[in-house]
């Protein structure tokens, strides 16, 4: 679960950097916001996967989903 969380957060950082958002505190590129929240939802049962790393299919899917969601959210912020 920790690895899944890390992959999701790293994807969010990629989306933030791609959007070139500037931090209001440091005037540098922002990697997140003070209101960011990441949740990993999983059934309370025997795991279907014992490991979720960056070099696994599950890790790739989590990263892609997080990146896509964050990219879409950042694109919609101006609407």
PDB file of N, CA and C in Angstrom:
ATOM      1  N   UNK A   1       0.833  -1.198   0.000  1.00  0.00           N
ATOM      2  CA  UNK A   1       0.000   0.000   0.000  1.00  0.00           C
ATOM      3  C   UNK A   1       0.875   1.259   0.000  1.00  0.00           C
ATOM      4  N   UNK A   2       1.975   1.188   0.739  1.00  0.00           N
ATOM      5  CA  UNK A   2       2.872   2.343   0.783  1.00  0.00           C
ATOM      6  C   UNK A   2       3.476   2.604  -0.590  1.00  0.00           C
ATOM      7  N   UNK A   3       3.863   1.546  -1.272  1.00  0.00           N
ATOM      8  CA  UNK A   3       4.419   1.701  -2.618  1.00  0.00           C
ATOM      9  C   UNK A   3       3.373   2.282  -3.569  1.00  0.00           C
ATOM     10  N   UNK A   4       2.137   1.847  -3.473  1.00  0.00           N
ATOM     11  CA  UNK A   4       1.063   2.392  -4.304  1.00  0.00           C
ATOM     12  C   UNK A   4       0.893   3.884  -4.044  1.00  0.00           C
ATOM     13  N   UNK A   5       0.938   4.277  -2.786  1.00  0.00           N
ATOM     14  CA  UNK A   5       0.828   5.682  -2.419  1.00  0.00           C
ATOM     15  C   UNK A   5       1.981   6.485  -3.010  1.00  0.00           C
ATOM     16  N   UNK A   6       3.183   5.954  -2.904  1.00  0.00           N
ATOM     17  CA  UNK A   6       4.361   6.647  -3.430  1.00  0.00           C
ATOM     18  C   UNK A   6       4.259   6.844  -4.938  1.00  0.00           C
ATOM     19  N   UNK A   7       3.824   5.821  -5.642  1.00  0.00           N
ATOM     20  CA  UNK A   7       3.685   5.917  -7.099  1.00  0.00           C
ATOM     21  C   UNK A   7       2.639   6.967  -7.467  1.00  0.00           C
ATOM     22  N   UNK A   8       1.526   6.993  -6.773  1.00  0.00           N
ATOM     23  CA  UNK A   8       0.479   7.979  -7.043  1.00  0.00           C
ATOM     24  C   UNK A   8       0.981   9.401  -6.797  1.00  0.00           C
ATOM     25  N   UNK A   9       1.716   9.596  -5.723  1.00  0.00           N
ATOM     26  CA  UNK A   9       2.238  10.932  -5.403  1.00  0.00           C
ATOM     27  C   UNK A   9       3.293  11.358  -6.421  1.00  0.00           C
ATOM     28  N   UNK A  10       4.156  10.443  -6.827  1.00  0.00           N
ATOM     29  CA  UNK A  10       5.165  10.785  -7.828  1.00  0.00           C
ATOM     30  C   UNK A  10       4.506  11.192  -9.144  1.00  0.00           C
ATOM     31  N   UNK A  11       3.443  10.510  -9.518  1.00  0.00           N
ATOM     32  CA  UNK A  11       2.724  10.873 -10.742  1.00  0.00           C
ATOM     33  C   UNK A  11       2.102  12.261 -10.607  1.00  0.00           C
ATOM     34  N   UNK A  12       1.579  12.570  -9.411  1.00  0.00           N
ATOM     35  CA  UNK A  12       1.024  13.903  -9.182  1.00  0.00           C
ATOM     36  C   UNK A  12       2.106  14.966  -9.351  1.00  0.00           C
ATOM     37  N   UNK A  13       3.291  14.704  -8.853  1.00  0.00           N
ATOM     38  CA  UNK A  13       4.400  15.654  -8.987  1.00  0.00           C
ATOM     39  C   UNK A  13       4.738  15.860 -10.465  1.00  0.00           C
ATOM     40  N   UNK A  14       4.756  14.797 -11.244  1.00  0.00           N
ATOM     41  CA  UNK A  14       5.019  14.915 -12.683  1.00  0.00           C
ATOM     42  C   UNK A  14       3.973  15.815 -13.339  1.00  0.00           C
ATOM     43  N   UNK A  15       2.716  15.619 -12.989  1.00  0.00           N
ATOM     44  CA  UNK A  15       1.641  16.452 -13.547  1.00  0.00           C
ATOM     45  C   UNK A  15       1.815  17.912 -13.134  1.00  0.00           C
ATOM     46  N   UNK A  16       2.161  18.141 -11.889  1.00  0.00           N
ATOM     47  CA  UNK A  16       2.360  19.524 -11.408  1.00  0.00           C
ATOM     48  C   UNK A  16       3.522  20.190 -12.145  1.00  0.00           C
ATOM     49  N   UNK A  17       4.618  19.470 -12.309  1.00  0.00           N
ATOM     50  CA  UNK A  17       5.774  20.038 -13.003  1.00  0.00           C
ATOM     51  C   UNK A  17       5.459  20.298 -14.473  1.00  0.00           C
ATOM     52  N   UNK A  18       4.714  19.388 -15.104  1.00  0.00           N
ATOM     53  CA  UNK A  18       4.335  19.583 -16.502  1.00  0.00           C
ATOM     54  C   UNK A  18       3.437  20.805 -16.674  1.00  0.00           C
ATOM     55  N   UNK A  19       2.616  21.089 -15.665  1.00  0.00           N
ATOM     56  CA  UNK A  19       1.725  22.253 -15.716  1.00  0.00           C
ATOM     57  C   UNK A  19       2.480  23.546 -15.429  1.00  0.00           C
ATOM     58  N   UNK A  20       3.704  23.419 -14.947  1.00  0.00           N
ATOM     59  CA  UNK A  20       4.588  24.567 -14.665  1.00  0.00           C
ATOM     60  C   UNK A  20       3.957  25.556 -13.685  1.00  0.00           C
ATOM     61  N   UNK A  21       3.283  25.025 -12.672  1.00  0.00           N
ATOM     62  CA  UNK A  21       2.695  25.877 -11.644  1.00  0.00           C
ATOM     63  C   UNK A  21       3.786  26.374 -10.699  1.00  0.00           C
ATOM     64  N   UNK A  22       3.692  27.619 -10.325  1.00  0.00           N
ATOM     65  CA  UNK A  22       4.687  28.240  -9.460  1.00  0.00           C
ATOM     66  C   UNK A  22       4.158  28.293  -8.026  1.00  0.00           C
ATOM     67  N   UNK A  23       5.017  27.930  -7.091  1.00  0.00           N
ATOM     68  CA  UNK A  23       4.671  27.986  -5.676  1.00  0.00           C
ATOM     69  C   UNK A  23       4.533  29.440  -5.238  1.00  0.00           C
ATOM     70  N   UNK A  24       3.509  29.726  -4.465  1.00  0.00           N
ATOM     71  CA  UNK A  24       3.333  31.081  -3.940  1.00  0.00           C
ATOM     72  C   UNK A  24       4.285  31.351  -2.782  1.00  0.00           C
ATOM     73  N   UNK A  25       4.890  30.323  -2.231  1.00  0.00           N
ATOM     74  CA  UNK A  25       5.808  30.486  -1.096  1.00  0.00           C
ATOM     75  C   UNK A  25       7.256  30.678  -1.542  1.00  0.00           C
ATOM     76  N   UNK A  26       7.674  29.950  -2.598  1.00  0.00           N
ATOM     77  CA  UNK A  26       9.093  29.973  -2.965  1.00  0.00           C
ATOM     78  C   UNK A  26       9.368  30.555  -4.344  1.00  0.00           C
ATOM     79  N   UNK A  27       8.343  30.800  -5.125  1.00  0.00           N
ATOM     80  CA  UNK A  27       8.485  31.235  -6.516  1.00  0.00           C
ATOM     81  C   UNK A  27       9.213  30.202  -7.382  1.00  0.00           C
ATOM     82  N   UNK A  28       9.280  28.961  -6.919  1.00  0.00           N
ATOM     83  CA  UNK A  28       9.831  27.844  -7.685  1.00  0.00           C
ATOM     84  C   UNK A  28       8.669  26.998  -8.197  1.00  0.00           C
ATOM     85  N   UNK A  29       8.973  26.017  -9.042  1.00  0.00           N
ATOM     86  CA  UNK A  29       7.918  25.119  -9.514  1.00  0.00           C
ATOM     87  C   UNK A  29       7.313  24.378  -8.335  1.00  0.00           C
ATOM     88  N   UNK A  30       5.996  24.294  -8.318  1.00  0.00           N
ATOM     89  CA  UNK A  30       5.284  23.605  -7.242  1.00  0.00           C
ATOM     90  C   UNK A  30       5.228  22.110  -7.536  1.00  0.00           C
ATOM     91  N   UNK A  31       5.288  21.308  -6.485  1.00  0.00           N
ATOM     92  CA  UNK A  31       5.170  19.855  -6.626  1.00  0.00           C
ATOM     93  C   UNK A  31       3.886  19.335  -5.998  1.00  0.00           C
ATOM     94  N   UNK A  32       3.104  20.222  -5.422  1.00  0.00           N
ATOM     95  CA  UNK A  32       1.846  19.862  -4.787  1.00  0.00           C
ATOM     96  C   UNK A  32       1.232  21.114  -4.184  1.00  0.00           C
ATOM     97  N   UNK A  33       0.132  20.935  -3.480  1.00  0.00           N
ATOM     98  CA  UNK A  33      -0.518  22.054  -2.817  1.00  0.00           C
ATOM     99  C   UNK A  33      -0.775  21.700  -1.364  1.00  0.00           C
ATOM    100  N   UNK A  34      -1.132  22.661  -0.588  1.00  0.00           N
ATOM    101  CA  UNK A  34      -1.417  22.428   0.819  1.00  0.00           C
ATOM    102  C   UNK A  34      -2.694  21.656   1.066  1.00  0.00           C
ATOM    103  N   UNK A  35      -3.489  21.485   0.029  1.00  0.00           N
ATOM    104  CA  UNK A  35      -4.751  20.764   0.189  1.00  0.00           C
ATOM    105  C   UNK A  35      -4.763  19.434  -0.559  1.00  0.00           C
ATOM    106  N   UNK A  36      -3.605  18.992  -1.066  1.00  0.00           N
ATOM    107  CA  UNK A  36      -3.536  17.701  -1.762  1.00  0.00           C
ATOM    108  C   UNK A  36      -3.915  16.568  -0.825  1.00  0.00           C
ATOM    109  N   UNK A  37      -4.543  15.565  -1.393  1.00  0.00           N
ATOM    110  CA  UNK A  37      -4.920  14.379  -0.636  1.00  0.00           C
ATOM    111  C   UNK A  37      -4.816  13.180  -1.567  1.00  0.00           C
ATOM    112  N   UNK A  38      -4.233  12.112  -1.078  1.00  0.00           N
ATOM    113  CA  UNK A  38      -4.132  10.886  -1.851  1.00  0.00           C
ATOM    114  C   UNK A  38      -4.732   9.758  -1.021  1.00  0.00           C
ATOM    115  N   UNK A  39      -5.594   8.975  -1.635  1.00  0.00           N
ATOM    116  CA  UNK A  39      -6.238   7.857  -0.961  1.00  0.00           C
ATOM    117  C   UNK A  39      -6.026   6.607  -1.800  1.00  0.00           C
ATOM    118  N   UNK A  40      -5.644   5.538  -1.158  1.00  0.00           N
ATOM    119  CA  UNK A  40      -5.564   4.239  -1.821  1.00  0.00           C
ATOM    120  C   UNK A  40      -6.739   3.416  -1.314  1.00  0.00           C
ATOM    121  N   UNK A  41      -7.658   3.103  -2.210  1.00  0.00           N
ATOM    122  CA  UNK A  41      -8.836   2.310  -1.843  1.00  0.00           C
ATOM    123  C   UNK A  41      -8.603   0.869  -2.272  1.00  0.00           C
ATOM    124  N   UNK A  42      -8.758  -0.038  -1.334  1.00  0.00           N
ATOM    125  CA  UNK A  42      -8.554  -1.455  -1.626  1.00  0.00           C
ATOM    126  C   UNK A  42      -9.477  -2.275  -0.743  1.00  0.00           C
ATOM    127  N   UNK A  43      -9.937  -3.412  -1.250  1.00  0.00           N
ATOM    128  CA  UNK A  43     -10.812  -4.264  -0.440  1.00  0.00           C
ATOM    129  C   UNK A  43     -10.087  -4.789   0.799  1.00  0.00           C
ATOM    130  N   UNK A  44     -10.847  -5.010   1.850  1.00  0.00           N
ATOM    131  CA  UNK A  44     -10.296  -5.562   3.087  1.00  0.00           C
ATOM    132  C   UNK A  44     -10.360  -7.088   3.005  1.00  0.00           C
ATOM    133  N   UNK A  45      -9.561  -7.633   2.112  1.00  0.00           N
ATOM    134  CA  UNK A  45      -9.537  -9.076   1.872  1.00  0.00           C
ATOM    135  C   UNK A  45      -8.114  -9.466   1.486  1.00  0.00           C
ATOM    136  N   UNK A  46      -7.911 -10.705   1.218  1.00  0.00           N
ATOM    137  CA  UNK A  46      -6.594 -11.162   0.785  1.00  0.00           C
ATOM    138  C   UNK A  46      -6.184 -10.380  -0.462  1.00  0.00           C
ATOM    139  N   UNK A  47      -4.958  -9.891  -0.492  1.00  0.00           N
ATOM    140  CA  UNK A  47      -4.546  -9.073  -1.637  1.00  0.00           C
ATOM    141  C   UNK A  47      -4.445  -9.885  -2.925  1.00  0.00           C
ATOM    142  N   UNK A  48      -4.872  -9.274  -4.011  1.00  0.00           N
ATOM    143  CA  UNK A  48      -4.739  -9.893  -5.329  1.00  0.00           C
ATOM    144  C   UNK A  48      -3.291  -9.797  -5.806  1.00  0.00           C
ATOM    145  N   UNK A  49      -2.579  -8.794  -5.286  1.00  0.00           N
ATOM    146  CA  UNK A  49      -1.174  -8.586  -5.638  1.00  0.00           C
ATOM    147  C   UNK A  49      -0.378  -8.458  -4.351  1.00  0.00           C
ATOM    148  N   UNK A  50       0.720  -9.162  -4.276  1.00  0.00           N
ATOM    149  CA  UNK A  50       1.559  -9.104  -3.077  1.00  0.00           C
ATOM    150  C   UNK A  50       2.488  -7.904  -3.098  1.00  0.00           C
ATOM    151  N   UNK A  51       2.739  -7.351  -4.268  1.00  0.00           N
ATOM    152  CA  UNK A  51       3.703  -6.256  -4.396  1.00  0.00           C
ATOM    153  C   UNK A  51       3.265  -5.326  -5.511  1.00  0.00           C
ATOM    154  N   UNK A  52       3.510  -4.056  -5.315  1.00  0.00           N
ATOM    155  CA  UNK A  52       3.154  -3.037  -6.295  1.00  0.00           C
ATOM    156  C   UNK A  52       4.334  -2.092  -6.416  1.00  0.00           C
ATOM    157  N   UNK A  53       5.265  -2.399  -7.284  1.00  0.00           N
ATOM    158  CA  UNK A  53       6.440  -1.551  -7.455  1.00  0.00           C
ATOM    159  C   UNK A  53       6.407  -0.813  -8.776  1.00  0.00           C
ATOM    160  N   UNK A  54       7.417   0.018  -8.968  1.00  0.00           N
ATOM    161  CA  UNK A  54       7.491   0.809 -10.191  1.00  0.00           C
ATOM    162  C   UNK A  54       7.723  -0.049 -11.426  1.00  0.00           C
ATOM    163  N   UNK A  55       8.244  -1.238 -11.232  1.00  0.00           N
ATOM    164  CA  UNK A  55       8.528  -2.113 -12.366  1.00  0.00           C
ATOM    165  C   UNK A  55       7.530  -3.265 -12.446  1.00  0.00           C
ATOM    166  N   UNK A  56       6.298  -3.001 -12.001  1.00  0.00           N
ATOM    167  CA  UNK A  56       5.226  -3.989 -12.090  1.00  0.00           C
ATOM    168  C   UNK A  56       4.085  -3.402 -12.910  1.00  0.00           C
ATOM    169  N   UNK A  57       3.260  -4.258 -13.439  1.00  0.00           N
ATOM    170  CA  UNK A  57       2.101  -3.799 -14.220  1.00  0.00           C
ATOM    171  C   UNK A  57       1.153  -2.991 -13.338  1.00  0.00           C
ATOM    172  N   UNK A  58       0.942  -3.460 -12.103  1.00  0.00           N
ATOM    173  CA  UNK A  58       0.059  -2.733 -11.197  1.00  0.00           C
ATOM    174  C   UNK A  58       0.608  -1.338 -10.900  1.00  0.00           C
ATOM    175  N   UNK A  59       1.896  -1.235 -10.653  1.00  0.00           N
ATOM    176  CA  UNK A  59       2.508   0.071 -10.406  1.00  0.00           C
ATOM    177  C   UNK A  59       2.363   0.999 -11.604  1.00  0.00           C
ATOM    178  N   UNK A  60       2.556   0.443 -12.797  1.00  0.00           N
ATOM    179  CA  UNK A  60       2.386   1.230 -14.022  1.00  0.00           C
ATOM    180  C   UNK A  60       0.957   1.745 -14.148  1.00  0.00           C
ATOM    181  N   UNK A  61      -0.015   0.893 -13.869  1.00  0.00           N
ATOM    182  CA  UNK A  61      -1.418   1.302 -13.976  1.00  0.00           C
ATOM    183  C   UNK A  61      -1.773   2.383 -12.961  1.00  0.00           C
ATOM    184  N   UNK A  62      -1.278   2.249 -11.745  1.00  0.00           N
ATOM    185  CA  UNK A  62      -1.527   3.264 -10.719  1.00  0.00           C
ATOM    186  C   UNK A  62      -0.906   4.598 -11.139  1.00  0.00           C
ATOM    187  N   UNK A  63       0.324   4.553 -11.618  1.00  0.00           N
ATOM    188  CA  UNK A  63       0.997   5.778 -12.054  1.00  0.00           C
ATOM    189  C   UNK A  63       0.273   6.448 -13.201  1.00  0.00           C
ATOM    190  N   UNK A  64      -0.138   5.653 -14.177  1.00  0.00           N
ATOM    191  CA  UNK A  64      -0.852   6.226 -15.329  1.00  0.00           C
ATOM    192  C   UNK A  64      -2.190   6.835 -14.914  1.00  0.00           C
ATOM    193  N   UNK A  65      -2.916   6.140 -14.053  1.00  0.00           N
ATOM    194  CA  UNK A  65      -4.223   6.649 -13.612  1.00  0.00           C
ATOM    195  C   UNK A  65      -4.061   7.941 -12.827  1.00  0.00           C
ATOM    196  N   UNK A  66      -3.085   7.982 -11.941  1.00  0.00           N
ATOM    197  CA  UNK A  66      -2.850   9.186 -11.138  1.00  0.00           C
ATOM    198  C   UNK A  66      -2.415  10.346 -12.030  1.00  0.00           C
ATOM    199  N   UNK A  67      -1.505  10.086 -12.942  1.00  0.00           N
ATOM    200  CA  UNK A  67      -1.029  11.134 -13.841  1.00  0.00           C
ATOM    201  C   UNK A  67      -2.172  11.670 -14.694  1.00  0.00           C
ATOM    202  N   UNK A  68      -2.991  10.780 -15.224  1.00  0.00           N
ATOM    203  CA  UNK A  68      -4.119  11.204 -16.064  1.00  0.00           C
ATOM    204  C   UNK A  68      -5.111  12.045 -15.263  1.00  0.00           C
ATOM    205  N   UNK A  69      -5.452  11.588 -14.070  1.00  0.00           N
ATOM    206  CA  UNK A  69      -6.416  12.318 -13.242  1.00  0.00           C
ATOM    207  C   UNK A  69      -5.888  13.692 -12.854  1.00  0.00           C
ATOM    208  N   UNK A  70      -4.634  13.750 -12.442  1.00  0.00           N
ATOM    209  CA  UNK A  70      -4.062  15.038 -12.025  1.00  0.00           C
ATOM    210  C   UNK A  70      -3.919  15.986 -13.209  1.00  0.00           C
ATOM    211  N   UNK A  71      -3.511  15.458 -14.353  1.00  0.00           N
ATOM    212  CA  UNK A  71      -3.378  16.291 -15.552  1.00  0.00           C
ATOM    213  C   UNK A  71      -4.727  16.882 -15.951  1.00  0.00           C
ATOM    214  N   UNK A  72      -5.762  16.054 -15.909  1.00  0.00           N
ATOM    215  CA  UNK A  72      -7.108  16.543 -16.241  1.00  0.00           C
ATOM    216  C   UNK A  72      -7.593  17.590 -15.238  1.00  0.00           C
ATOM    217  N   UNK A  73      -7.343  17.356 -13.977  1.00  0.00           N
ATOM    218  CA  UNK A  73      -7.766  18.311 -12.945  1.00  0.00           C
ATOM    219  C   UNK A  73      -7.049  19.643 -13.102  1.00  0.00           C
ATOM    220  N   UNK A  74      -5.762  19.585 -13.390  1.00  0.00           N
ATOM    221  CA  UNK A  74      -4.991  20.819 -13.572  1.00  0.00           C
ATOM    222  C   UNK A  74      -5.452  21.570 -14.821  1.00  0.00           C
ATOM    223  N   UNK A  75      -5.810  20.847 -15.865  1.00  0.00           N
ATOM    224  CA  UNK A  75      -6.288  21.483 -17.095  1.00  0.00           C
ATOM    225  C   UNK A  75      -7.647  22.143 -16.866  1.00  0.00           C
ATOM    226  N   UNK A  76      -8.461  21.580 -15.977  1.00  0.00           N
ATOM    227  CA  UNK A  76      -9.802  22.098 -15.727  1.00  0.00           C
ATOM    228  C   UNK A  76      -9.798  23.271 -14.748  1.00  0.00           C
ATOM    229  N   UNK A  77      -8.680  23.538 -14.112  1.00  0.00           N
ATOM    230  CA  UNK A  77      -8.648  24.581 -13.060  1.00  0.00           C
ATOM    231  C   UNK A  77      -8.961  25.964 -13.601  1.00  0.00           C
ATOM    232  N   UNK A  78      -8.741  26.186 -14.890  1.00  0.00           N
ATOM    233  CA  UNK A  78      -9.003  27.493 -15.455  1.00  0.00           C
ATOM    234  C   UNK A  78     -10.441  27.676 -15.931  1.00  0.00           C
ATOM    235  N   UNK A  79     -11.216  26.615 -15.891  1.00  0.00           N
ATOM    236  CA  UNK A  79     -12.596  26.690 -16.387  1.00  0.00           C
ATOM    237  C   UNK A  79     -13.537  27.273 -15.372  1.00  0.00           C
TER     238      UNK A  79
END
